[in-house]
Protein backbone atom coordinates (compact mmCIF):
# COMPACT_ATOMS: atom_id res chain seq x y z
CA UNK A 1 96.68 109.36 101.04
CA UNK A 2 97.18 106.53 103.51
CA UNK A 3 100.44 104.58 103.47
CA UNK A 4 102.76 102.74 105.83
CA UNK A 5 106.52 103.15 106.10
CA UNK A 6 108.46 99.98 106.88
CA UNK A 7 112.12 100.21 107.89
CA UNK A 8 113.97 96.87 107.74
CA UNK A 9 116.84 96.72 110.22
CA UNK A 10 119.38 93.97 110.85
CA UNK A 11 122.37 93.97 113.15
CA UNK A 12 124.77 92.10 110.88
CA UNK A 13 126.84 94.46 108.73
CA UNK A 14 130.22 93.67 107.24
CA UNK A 15 131.55 97.21 107.19
CA UNK A 16 129.75 98.61 110.25
CA UNK A 17 128.69 96.04 112.89
CA UNK A 18 125.48 96.80 114.83
CA UNK A 19 124.75 99.61 112.36
CA UNK A 20 121.08 100.21 113.33
CA UNK A 21 122.16 100.92 116.90
CA UNK A 22 125.06 103.22 116.01
CA UNK A 23 124.83 106.41 118.08
CA UNK A 24 123.90 109.57 116.19
CA UNK A 25 124.06 112.46 118.61
CA UNK A 26 122.28 110.60 121.39
CA UNK A 27 119.89 108.41 119.41
CA UNK A 28 120.32 105.06 117.61
CA UNK A 29 120.51 105.46 113.83
CA UNK A 30 117.33 103.43 113.21
CA UNK A 31 115.44 105.78 115.54
CA UNK A 32 116.76 108.77 113.60
CA UNK A 33 115.50 107.18 110.38
CA UNK A 34 112.09 106.50 111.92
CA UNK A 35 111.78 110.09 113.11
CA UNK A 36 112.43 111.34 109.59
CA UNK A 37 109.77 108.97 108.30
CA UNK A 38 107.32 110.16 110.96
CA UNK A 39 107.71 113.68 109.53
CA UNK A 40 106.26 112.41 106.24
CA UNK A 41 102.57 111.89 105.56
CA UNK A 42 102.71 108.21 106.55
CA UNK A 43 99.82 106.86 108.57
CA UNK A 44 102.29 104.77 110.56
CA UNK A 45 105.98 103.97 110.69
CA UNK A 46 107.20 100.54 111.75
CA UNK A 47 110.73 99.15 112.13
CA UNK A 48 111.05 95.49 111.07
CA UNK A 49 113.98 94.23 113.14
CA UNK A 50 115.91 90.98 113.26
CA UNK A 51 117.06 91.33 116.87
CA UNK A 52 115.31 92.14 120.13
CA UNK A 53 117.97 94.76 120.89
CA UNK A 54 116.71 96.84 117.96
CA UNK A 55 113.10 96.42 119.10
CA UNK A 56 114.02 97.46 122.64
CA UNK A 57 115.96 100.52 121.42
CA UNK A 58 113.03 101.61 119.26
CA UNK A 59 110.47 101.13 121.99
CA UNK A 60 112.63 103.10 124.43
CA UNK A 61 112.33 106.06 122.05
CA UNK A 62 108.63 105.63 121.30
CA UNK A 63 109.11 103.99 117.89
CA UNK A 64 106.94 101.03 116.86
CA UNK A 65 108.99 97.93 116.01
CA UNK A 66 108.31 94.32 115.07
CA UNK A 67 110.61 91.37 115.65
CA UNK A 68 111.08 89.36 112.46
CA UNK A 69 113.05 86.22 111.66
CA UNK A 70 116.84 86.43 111.62
CA UNK A 71 117.31 84.14 108.62
CA UNK A 72 115.69 86.27 105.92
CA UNK A 73 117.96 86.32 102.84
CA UNK A 74 117.00 89.90 101.92
CA UNK A 75 115.24 93.01 103.10
CA UNK A 76 112.34 92.16 100.78
CA UNK A 77 111.69 88.94 102.67
CA UNK A 78 111.72 90.88 105.94
CA UNK A 79 109.22 93.36 104.51
CA UNK A 80 106.95 90.51 103.44
CA UNK A 81 106.90 89.11 106.97
CA UNK A 82 106.23 92.58 108.41
CA UNK A 83 103.27 93.09 106.03
CA UNK A 84 101.86 89.73 107.12
CA UNK A 85 102.31 90.58 110.82
CA UNK A 86 100.56 93.92 110.32
CA UNK A 87 97.72 92.33 108.35
CA UNK A 88 97.98 94.85 105.51
CA UNK A 89 95.46 94.44 102.70
CA UNK A 90 96.84 93.69 99.23
CA UNK A 91 96.32 97.18 97.80
CA UNK A 92 97.78 99.03 100.81
CA UNK A 93 100.78 101.18 99.88
CA UNK A 94 104.01 100.47 101.72
CA UNK A 95 107.17 102.57 101.44
CA UNK A 96 110.43 100.81 102.24
CA UNK A 97 112.88 103.26 103.81
CA UNK A 98 116.36 101.88 104.35
CA UNK A 99 117.52 101.81 107.97
CA UNK A 100 120.81 103.53 107.15
CA UNK A 101 119.31 106.76 105.73
CA UNK A 102 119.06 109.05 108.79
CA UNK A 103 118.99 112.21 106.65
CA UNK A 104 116.25 111.11 104.26
CA UNK A 105 113.90 113.91 103.21
CA UNK A 106 110.32 113.21 104.39
CA UNK A 107 108.98 114.79 101.20
CA UNK A 108 110.82 112.13 99.16
CA UNK A 109 108.94 109.43 101.09
CA UNK A 110 105.65 111.17 100.29
CA UNK A 111 106.60 111.49 96.62
CA UNK A 112 107.40 107.79 96.26
CA UNK A 113 104.06 106.85 97.84
CA UNK A 114 102.18 109.33 95.61
CA UNK A 115 103.98 108.05 92.50
CA UNK A 116 102.70 104.55 93.17
CA UNK A 117 99.19 105.84 93.86
CA UNK A 118 99.09 107.66 90.53
CA UNK A 119 100.45 104.67 88.58
CA UNK A 120 97.78 102.01 89.22
CA UNK A 121 99.40 99.69 86.66
CA UNK A 122 102.69 99.64 88.59
CA UNK A 123 103.56 97.13 91.30
CA UNK A 124 106.38 99.28 92.67
CA UNK A 125 107.69 102.83 92.73
CA UNK A 126 111.12 104.28 93.41
CA UNK A 127 113.09 107.50 92.87
CA UNK A 128 115.98 108.91 90.89
CA UNK A 129 117.78 112.20 90.31
CA UNK A 130 119.89 113.65 87.52
CA UNK A 131 123.59 112.75 87.48
CA UNK A 132 125.80 115.82 87.27
CA UNK A 133 129.33 114.41 87.16
CA UNK A 134 131.13 112.06 84.79
CA UNK A 135 132.78 110.20 87.68
CA UNK A 136 129.36 109.39 89.11
CA UNK A 137 128.10 108.29 85.69
CA UNK A 138 131.03 105.88 85.28
CA UNK A 139 131.02 104.56 88.87
CA UNK A 140 129.62 100.97 88.99
CA UNK A 141 128.56 101.57 92.61
CA UNK A 142 126.15 104.23 91.32
CA UNK A 143 123.06 102.52 89.94
CA UNK A 144 121.56 104.18 86.86
CA UNK A 145 118.08 103.90 85.35
CA UNK A 146 116.31 104.84 82.11
CA UNK A 147 112.58 105.51 81.85
CA UNK A 148 109.75 105.07 79.36
CA UNK A 149 107.28 107.75 78.26
CA UNK A 150 105.04 107.11 81.30
CA UNK A 151 107.87 107.45 83.82
CA UNK A 152 108.31 103.71 84.39
CA UNK A 153 111.74 102.12 84.60
CA UNK A 154 112.94 100.39 81.46
CA UNK A 155 116.10 99.09 83.14
CA UNK A 156 118.49 99.57 86.04
CA UNK A 157 122.23 99.08 85.61
CA UNK A 158 125.63 99.67 87.14
CA UNK A 159 126.85 100.47 83.63
CA UNK A 160 126.73 104.03 82.24
CA UNK A 161 123.29 104.24 80.62
CA UNK A 162 122.04 105.64 78.34
CA UNK A 163 125.07 105.02 76.14
CA UNK A 164 125.55 108.01 73.83
CA UNK A 165 126.64 106.22 70.67
CA UNK A 166 127.43 109.29 68.59
CA UNK A 167 128.89 111.32 71.45
CA UNK A 168 131.15 108.87 73.25
CA UNK A 169 133.10 107.50 70.31
CA UNK A 170 135.66 104.71 70.42
CA UNK A 171 137.38 105.99 73.59
CA UNK A 172 134.22 105.97 75.70
CA UNK A 173 132.53 108.74 77.71
CA UNK A 174 134.38 112.01 78.22
CA UNK A 175 131.21 113.96 79.01
CA UNK A 176 127.66 113.24 80.10
CA UNK A 177 124.93 112.44 77.54
CA UNK A 178 123.11 115.62 76.58
CA UNK A 179 119.61 114.15 76.37
CA UNK A 180 118.07 112.43 78.11
CA UNK A 181 119.97 113.31 81.27
CA UNK A 182 121.36 110.19 82.97
CA UNK A 183 119.55 109.31 86.20
CA UNK A 184 120.95 107.94 89.44
CA UNK A 185 118.66 105.53 91.22
CA UNK A 186 117.77 106.33 94.83
CA UNK A 187 117.27 103.25 96.99
CA UNK A 188 113.77 103.86 98.31
CA UNK A 189 110.79 101.78 97.18
CA UNK A 190 107.03 101.92 97.27
CA UNK A 191 105.07 98.67 97.00
CA UNK A 192 101.54 97.41 97.08
CA UNK A 193 101.46 95.13 100.13
CA UNK A 194 100.20 92.15 98.13
CA UNK A 195 103.17 92.43 95.77
CA UNK A 196 105.60 92.69 98.70
CA UNK A 197 104.42 89.29 99.87
CA UNK A 198 104.56 87.76 96.37
CA UNK A 199 107.96 89.15 95.47
CA UNK A 200 110.06 86.63 97.47
CA UNK A 201 108.26 83.80 95.66
CA UNK A 202 109.34 85.06 92.22
CA UNK A 203 112.26 83.23 90.66
CA UNK A 204 115.43 85.35 90.67
CA UNK A 205 116.23 86.80 87.26
CA UNK A 206 119.53 85.91 85.56
CA UNK A 207 120.18 89.62 84.93
CA UNK A 208 119.50 90.29 88.63
CA UNK A 209 122.46 88.09 89.55
CA UNK A 210 124.66 89.65 86.87
CA UNK A 211 124.02 93.24 87.98
CA UNK A 212 123.47 92.38 91.68
CA UNK A 213 120.27 94.47 91.61
CA UNK A 214 117.21 92.85 93.16
CA UNK A 215 114.71 95.27 91.56
CA UNK A 216 115.50 93.75 88.15
CA UNK A 217 113.56 90.66 89.26
CA UNK A 218 110.34 92.67 89.13
CA UNK A 219 111.06 93.95 85.61
CA UNK A 220 112.12 90.51 84.38
CA UNK A 221 108.75 89.10 85.48
CA UNK A 222 106.87 91.88 83.67
CA UNK A 223 106.00 94.16 86.60
CA UNK A 224 106.22 97.93 86.21
CA UNK A 225 108.27 100.18 88.49
CA UNK A 226 107.15 103.84 88.43
CA UNK A 227 109.96 106.34 89.05
CA UNK A 228 109.74 109.73 90.75
CA UNK A 229 112.48 112.05 89.47
CA UNK A 230 113.65 114.30 92.28
CA UNK A 231 115.22 117.68 91.69
CA UNK A 232 117.71 116.98 94.47
CA UNK A 233 120.13 114.26 95.51
CA UNK A 234 119.28 112.60 98.84
CA UNK A 235 121.28 113.12 101.99
CA UNK A 236 124.20 110.74 102.54
CA UNK A 237 123.53 107.25 103.86
CA UNK A 238 125.71 105.27 106.27
CA UNK A 239 127.68 102.24 105.08
CA UNK A 240 131.11 102.73 106.68
CA UNK A 241 132.63 104.25 109.84
CA UNK A 242 133.65 107.22 107.69
CA UNK A 243 130.03 107.72 106.59
CA UNK A 244 128.94 107.53 110.22
CA UNK A 245 131.39 110.26 111.24
CA UNK A 246 130.23 112.51 108.39
CA UNK A 247 126.53 112.10 109.24
CA UNK A 248 127.24 112.73 112.94
CA UNK A 249 128.88 116.01 111.97
CA UNK A 250 125.97 117.01 109.73
CA UNK A 251 123.42 116.27 112.46
CA UNK A 252 125.48 118.17 115.05
CA UNK A 253 125.58 121.14 112.70
CA UNK A 254 121.81 121.00 112.32
């Protein structure tokens, strides 16, 4: 199967300035991410950067990078520009790997691409894994999803879903729902290139603003999102200096 990995990267970060260029055992983080993506079955891996310093760092390590506009309001807009620059045909499969996931499993990238290929009625694909702790289930920073019979997302939420009416009672959750198992959303997406370029033109959904989850825009407009359920949680991403120190240690330990 032929697909392209796009890695959006921007220098501005509230909690970790210049995050894509943060050193991870001798290589910039965005380069580490690209190397993981290159270990997948992708035909090509391209970094979509907002600053020439990211492009230069990638090229110095043999990674293909495009310079995109700095004023994009979201990563989706940056992906759309990258698809246009690359001249991808509408039905080409693109996997969006976040630039702060230097420990991402290459097989997860392949699975997200394959999930989209095998769901021709879906505009997007993504991934999830079973939640195993009550704290994670209740944490609003952990995005949950529920699926239909075909493995498409019915909804994404920061709230604890599915809500076990007969098991939680008046005091709320004290244990996880027994069935179906609650699923944590993993922030990796597959797209058809034509949909990537249409997505920024779709009106934002009211529920998207409420939950602060951009993928709800696709569902609100009637597009399907196919979900690959992984047996494993992904490696930790990098949002804070503490995350960066932890990932450095994990890489140093091999």
